[in-house]
N, C-alpha and C. Protein backbone atom coordinates (compact mmCIF):
# COMPACT_ATOMS: atom_id res chain seq x y z
N UNK A 1 -2.61 10.58 13.50
CA UNK A 1 -1.64 10.27 12.87
C UNK A 1 -2.07 8.12 12.50
N UNK A 2 -3.10 7.63 12.68
CA UNK A 2 -3.09 6.72 12.56
C UNK A 2 -2.53 6.20 11.12
N UNK A 3 -2.78 7.01 10.34
CA UNK A 3 -2.60 7.03 8.81
C UNK A 3 -1.40 6.79 8.50
N UNK A 4 -0.54 7.67 8.98
CA UNK A 4 1.55 7.92 8.95
C UNK A 4 1.62 6.19 9.69
N UNK A 5 0.78 5.70 10.72
CA UNK A 5 1.38 4.02 10.91
C UNK A 5 1.03 3.70 9.68
N UNK A 6 -0.14 3.57 9.50
CA UNK A 6 -0.57 2.54 8.17
C UNK A 6 0.45 2.57 7.06
N UNK A 7 0.85 3.88 6.59
CA UNK A 7 1.60 4.15 5.27
C UNK A 7 2.83 3.24 5.97
N UNK A 8 3.59 3.70 6.61
CA UNK A 8 4.96 3.13 7.55
C UNK A 8 4.49 1.84 7.40
N UNK A 9 3.58 1.37 7.41
CA UNK A 9 3.31 -0.10 8.03
C UNK A 9 3.39 -0.82 6.69
N UNK A 10 2.87 -0.08 5.73
CA UNK A 10 2.75 -0.88 3.88
C UNK A 10 4.16 -0.42 3.74
N UNK A 11 5.03 0.19 3.80
CA UNK A 11 6.28 0.33 3.47
C UNK A 11 7.22 -0.62 4.32
N UNK A 12 6.91 -0.54 5.52
CA UNK A 12 7.90 -1.54 6.15
C UNK A 12 7.55 -3.19 5.66
N UNK A 13 6.64 -3.46 5.14
CA UNK A 13 5.62 -4.63 4.94
C UNK A 13 6.70 -5.09 3.63
N UNK A 14 6.93 -3.78 2.57
CA UNK A 14 7.13 -4.15 1.23
C UNK A 14 8.51 -4.13 1.43
N UNK A 15 9.26 -3.63 2.19
CA UNK A 15 10.64 -3.07 2.18
C UNK A 15 11.09 -4.80 2.97
N UNK A 16 10.56 -5.50 3.92
CA UNK A 16 10.93 -6.48 4.72
C UNK A 16 10.16 -7.89 3.70
N UNK A 17 9.75 -7.98 2.33
CA UNK A 17 9.27 -8.52 1.66
C UNK A 17 11.26 -8.96 0.75
N UNK A 18 11.22 -7.10 0.52
CA UNK A 18 12.29 -7.37 -0.31
C UNK A 18 13.73 -7.92 -0.22
N UNK A 19 13.66 -7.84 1.41
CA UNK A 19 15.16 -8.04 2.13
C UNK A 19 15.17 -10.04 2.09
N UNK A 20 16.40 -10.11 1.72
CA UNK A 20 16.46 -11.53 1.60
C UNK A 20 16.51 -12.05 3.36
N UNK A 21 15.71 -13.67 3.09
CA UNK A 21 15.84 -14.28 4.60
C UNK A 21 16.07 -15.57 4.85
N UNK A 22 16.80 -16.31 5.40
CA UNK A 22 17.19 -17.50 5.24
C UNK A 22 15.82 -18.30 4.90
N UNK A 23 14.84 -18.13 5.89
CA UNK A 23 13.57 -18.66 6.35
C UNK A 23 12.63 -18.90 5.23
N UNK A 24 12.71 -17.98 4.39
CA UNK A 24 12.03 -17.42 3.27
C UNK A 24 11.24 -18.64 2.50
N UNK A 25 10.03 -18.24 2.31
CA UNK A 25 8.97 -19.55 1.26
C UNK A 25 9.35 -19.61 -0.13
N UNK A 26 9.73 -20.58 -0.65
CA UNK A 26 9.99 -20.34 -2.28
C UNK A 26 8.80 -20.14 -2.81
N UNK A 27 7.82 -20.76 -2.39
CA UNK A 27 6.35 -20.72 -2.95
C UNK A 27 5.44 -19.29 -3.29
N UNK A 28 5.96 -18.00 -2.98
CA UNK A 28 5.99 -16.77 -3.11
C UNK A 28 4.70 -16.55 -2.24
N UNK A 29 4.43 -17.52 -1.04
CA UNK A 29 3.49 -16.75 -0.45
C UNK A 29 3.75 -15.52 0.73
N UNK A 30 5.33 -15.50 0.82
CA UNK A 30 5.78 -14.56 1.66
C UNK A 30 5.07 -13.26 0.76
N UNK A 31 5.68 -12.73 -0.43
CA UNK A 31 5.25 -11.79 -1.16
C UNK A 31 3.81 -11.69 -1.32
N UNK A 32 3.00 -12.90 -1.25
CA UNK A 32 1.13 -12.29 -1.33
C UNK A 32 0.73 -12.21 -0.39
N UNK A 33 1.38 -12.43 1.09
CA UNK A 33 1.31 -12.21 2.25
C UNK A 33 1.28 -10.69 2.23
N UNK A 34 2.90 -10.26 1.97
CA UNK A 34 2.82 -8.87 2.24
C UNK A 34 1.43 -7.85 0.89
N UNK A 35 1.37 -8.18 0.34
CA UNK A 35 0.83 -7.42 -1.15
C UNK A 35 -0.71 -7.73 -0.30
N UNK A 36 -1.22 -8.81 0.26
CA UNK A 36 -2.41 -8.59 0.90
C UNK A 36 -2.58 -7.88 1.92
N UNK A 37 -1.71 -7.77 2.89
CA UNK A 37 -1.50 -6.76 3.85
C UNK A 37 -1.82 -5.40 3.27
N UNK A 38 -0.51 -5.14 2.48
CA UNK A 38 -0.53 -3.92 2.15
C UNK A 38 -2.18 -3.08 0.74
N UNK A 39 -2.69 -3.85 0.30
CA UNK A 39 -3.87 -3.50 -0.11
C UNK A 39 -5.07 -3.74 1.19
N UNK A 40 -4.71 -4.24 2.16
CA UNK A 40 -5.95 -3.76 3.10
C UNK A 40 -5.40 -2.49 4.10
N UNK A 41 -4.35 -2.65 3.89
CA UNK A 41 -3.73 -0.82 4.87
C UNK A 41 -4.27 0.07 3.76
N UNK A 42 -4.10 -0.37 1.98
CA UNK A 42 -4.80 1.01 1.46
C UNK A 42 -6.01 1.09 1.29
N UNK A 43 -6.98 -0.24 1.73
CA UNK A 43 -8.46 0.14 1.84
C UNK A 43 -8.61 0.80 2.77
N UNK A 44 -8.51 0.74 3.97
CA UNK A 44 -7.97 1.47 5.21
C UNK A 44 -8.38 3.47 4.88
N UNK A 45 -6.65 3.13 4.45
CA UNK A 45 -6.55 4.81 4.01
C UNK A 45 -7.49 5.33 3.08
N UNK A 46 -7.84 4.79 2.33
CA UNK A 46 -8.79 5.30 1.53
C UNK A 46 -10.24 5.37 1.96
N UNK A 47 -10.30 4.69 3.19
CA UNK A 47 -11.99 4.59 3.56
C UNK A 47 -11.44 5.75 4.52
N UNK A 48 -10.83 5.93 5.40
CA UNK A 48 -10.17 7.27 6.29
C UNK A 48 -10.88 8.56 5.54
N UNK A 49 -9.95 8.12 4.00
CA UNK A 49 -9.92 9.60 2.90
C UNK A 49 -11.13 10.16 2.71
N UNK A 50 -11.67 8.53 2.37
CA UNK A 50 -13.26 9.13 1.76
C UNK A 50 -14.35 9.80 3.28
N UNK A 51 -14.39 9.47 4.39
CA UNK A 51 -15.17 9.49 5.31
C UNK A 51 -14.67 11.31 6.11
N UNK A 52 -13.33 11.44 5.92
CA UNK A 52 -13.04 12.94 5.83
C UNK A 52 -13.66 13.85 4.61
N UNK A 53 -13.31 13.36 3.78
CA UNK A 53 -14.04 14.06 2.81
C UNK A 53 -15.14 14.03 2.63
N UNK A 54 -15.78 13.03 2.97
CA UNK A 54 -17.41 13.21 3.37
C UNK A 54 -17.91 14.35 4.46
N UNK A 55 -17.33 14.31 5.85
CA UNK A 55 -17.33 15.32 6.56
C UNK A 55 -16.97 16.80 5.82
N UNK A 56 -15.73 16.94 5.26
CA UNK A 56 -15.79 18.08 4.65
C UNK A 56 -16.51 18.64 3.98
N UNK A 57 -17.07 17.66 3.11
CA UNK A 57 -18.12 18.79 2.37
C UNK A 57 -19.22 19.02 2.90
N UNK A 58 -19.44 17.98 3.96
CA UNK A 58 -21.27 18.36 4.79
C UNK A 58 -20.93 19.25 5.88
N UNK A 59 -19.59 19.94 6.01
CA UNK A 59 -19.67 20.89 6.84
C UNK A 59 -19.02 20.46 8.78
N UNK A 60 -18.81 19.01 8.58
CA UNK A 60 -18.82 18.36 10.01
C UNK A 60 -17.45 19.01 10.61
N UNK A 61 -16.66 18.72 9.39
CA UNK A 61 -15.10 18.69 9.71
C UNK A 61 -14.44 19.92 10.14
N UNK A 62 -14.07 20.47 10.89
CA UNK A 62 -13.25 21.88 11.44
C UNK A 62 -12.18 22.17 10.66
N UNK A 63 -11.44 21.22 10.75
CA UNK A 63 -10.08 21.13 9.73
C UNK A 63 -9.92 20.33 8.53
N UNK A 64 -10.28 21.21 7.40
CA UNK A 64 -10.31 21.12 5.98
C UNK A 64 -8.65 20.15 5.87
N UNK A 65 -7.58 20.81 6.52
CA UNK A 65 -6.07 19.86 6.61
C UNK A 65 -6.13 18.63 6.51
N UNK A 66 -7.07 17.97 7.38
CA UNK A 66 -6.83 16.70 7.99
C UNK A 66 -7.38 16.13 6.51
N UNK A 67 -8.07 15.90 6.43
CA UNK A 67 -8.94 15.43 4.97
C UNK A 67 -8.03 15.50 3.62
N UNK A 68 -7.30 16.94 3.51
CA UNK A 68 -6.74 16.85 2.42
C UNK A 68 -5.00 15.70 2.62
N UNK A 69 -5.25 15.73 3.67
CA UNK A 69 -3.79 15.24 4.05
C UNK A 69 -4.23 13.95 3.65
N UNK A 70 -5.15 13.51 4.20
CA UNK A 70 -5.66 12.26 4.13
C UNK A 70 -5.87 11.47 2.70
N UNK A 71 -6.24 12.13 1.97
CA UNK A 71 -6.30 12.09 0.60
C UNK A 71 -4.85 12.08 -0.08
N UNK A 72 -4.15 12.53 0.50
CA UNK A 72 -2.70 12.52 -0.56
C UNK A 72 -1.87 11.36 0.32
N UNK A 73 -1.94 10.89 1.52
CA UNK A 73 -1.61 9.49 2.08
C UNK A 73 -2.33 8.26 1.04
N UNK A 74 -3.44 8.61 0.82
CA UNK A 74 -4.04 7.41 0.16
C UNK A 74 -3.60 7.44 -1.07
N UNK A 75 -3.56 8.37 -1.71
CA UNK A 75 -3.13 8.63 -3.29
C UNK A 75 -1.41 7.98 -3.47
N UNK A 76 -0.94 8.16 -2.49
CA UNK A 76 0.66 7.94 -2.31
C UNK A 76 0.79 6.42 -1.98
N UNK A 77 0.10 6.42 -1.62
CA UNK A 77 0.11 4.75 -0.81
C UNK A 77 -0.57 3.47 -2.00
N UNK A 78 -1.63 4.28 -2.60
CA UNK A 78 -2.01 3.43 -4.04
C UNK A 78 -0.64 3.72 -5.15
N UNK A 79 0.00 4.54 -5.39
CA UNK A 79 1.27 4.73 -6.35
C UNK A 79 1.50 3.44 -5.35
N UNK A 80 2.87 4.00 -4.33
CA UNK A 80 3.35 2.93 -4.26
C UNK A 80 3.13 1.26 -4.28
N UNK A 81 1.86 0.84 -3.98
CA UNK A 81 1.37 -0.54 -3.98
C UNK A 81 1.28 -0.53 -5.48
N UNK A 82 0.68 -0.12 -6.43
CA UNK A 82 0.76 -0.31 -7.73
C UNK A 82 2.28 -0.22 -8.69
N UNK A 83 3.18 0.29 -8.17
CA UNK A 83 4.72 0.66 -8.33
C UNK A 83 5.18 -1.13 -8.18
N UNK A 84 4.65 -1.22 -7.12
CA UNK A 84 5.45 -2.57 -6.47
C UNK A 84 4.69 -3.85 -7.39
N UNK A 85 3.68 -3.48 -7.39
CA UNK A 85 2.76 -4.58 -7.94
C UNK A 85 3.62 -4.84 -9.91
N UNK A 86 3.39 -3.88 -10.32
CA UNK A 86 4.17 -3.36 -11.80
C UNK A 86 5.47 -4.17 -11.80
N UNK A 87 6.65 -4.19 -11.21
CA UNK A 87 7.85 -4.56 -10.84
C UNK A 87 7.88 -6.37 -10.67
N UNK A 88 6.73 -6.34 -10.18
CA UNK A 88 6.51 -8.09 -9.75
C UNK A 88 5.93 -8.32 -10.96
N UNK A 89 4.85 -7.82 -11.34
CA UNK A 89 4.38 -8.58 -12.73
C UNK A 89 5.76 -8.51 -14.13
N UNK A 90 6.65 -7.29 -13.74
CA UNK A 90 8.06 -7.38 -14.96
C UNK A 90 8.84 -8.51 -14.37
N UNK A 91 8.74 -8.79 -13.33
CA UNK A 91 9.67 -9.41 -13.49
C UNK A 91 9.44 -10.94 -13.21
N UNK A 92 8.26 -11.30 -13.19
CA UNK A 92 7.79 -12.60 -13.53
C UNK A 92 7.88 -12.94 -14.75
N UNK A 93 7.35 -11.46 -15.84
CA UNK A 93 7.41 -11.78 -17.48
C UNK A 93 8.84 -12.02 -17.94
N UNK A 94 9.23 -11.13 -16.92
CA UNK A 94 10.98 -12.01 -17.19
C UNK A 94 11.43 -13.12 -17.05
N UNK A 95 11.03 -13.80 -15.64
CA UNK A 95 11.58 -14.97 -15.58
C UNK A 95 10.83 -15.90 -16.35
N UNK A 96 9.59 -16.06 -17.18
CA UNK A 96 8.93 -16.59 -18.23
C UNK A 96 9.84 -16.57 -19.60
N UNK A 97 10.21 -14.84 -19.44
CA UNK A 97 11.24 -15.18 -20.91
C UNK A 97 12.21 -15.96 -20.91
N UNK A 98 13.01 -15.58 -20.10
CA UNK A 98 14.31 -17.17 -19.43
C UNK A 98 14.47 -18.25 -19.33
N UNK A 99 12.80 -18.47 -19.27
CA UNK A 99 12.50 -20.05 -19.76
C UNK A 99 11.89 -20.54 -21.14
N UNK A 100 11.88 -19.66 -21.76
CA UNK A 100 11.38 -20.10 -23.17
C UNK A 100 12.19 -20.07 -23.97
């Protein structure tokens, strides 16, 4: 269930970044830190998924469900991180259009 806590950590980090705070930095470093943390968590989930997948293929894994769950968690987390990144790029582009 370590993977569940990682996914929840990614979601919590992104939600925390979305919530306004009084001490938020205006240079974007908070968003960059959150995205870096999310990508690191994603890498860990993908690594765990790959390890369990290899164990399933070689026959070292008794429960194929854990490999499938890990794979799905990694895929969903990748979609979440990509969606947040895309929204960030869209917001940046909108700000650039407003300045022109």
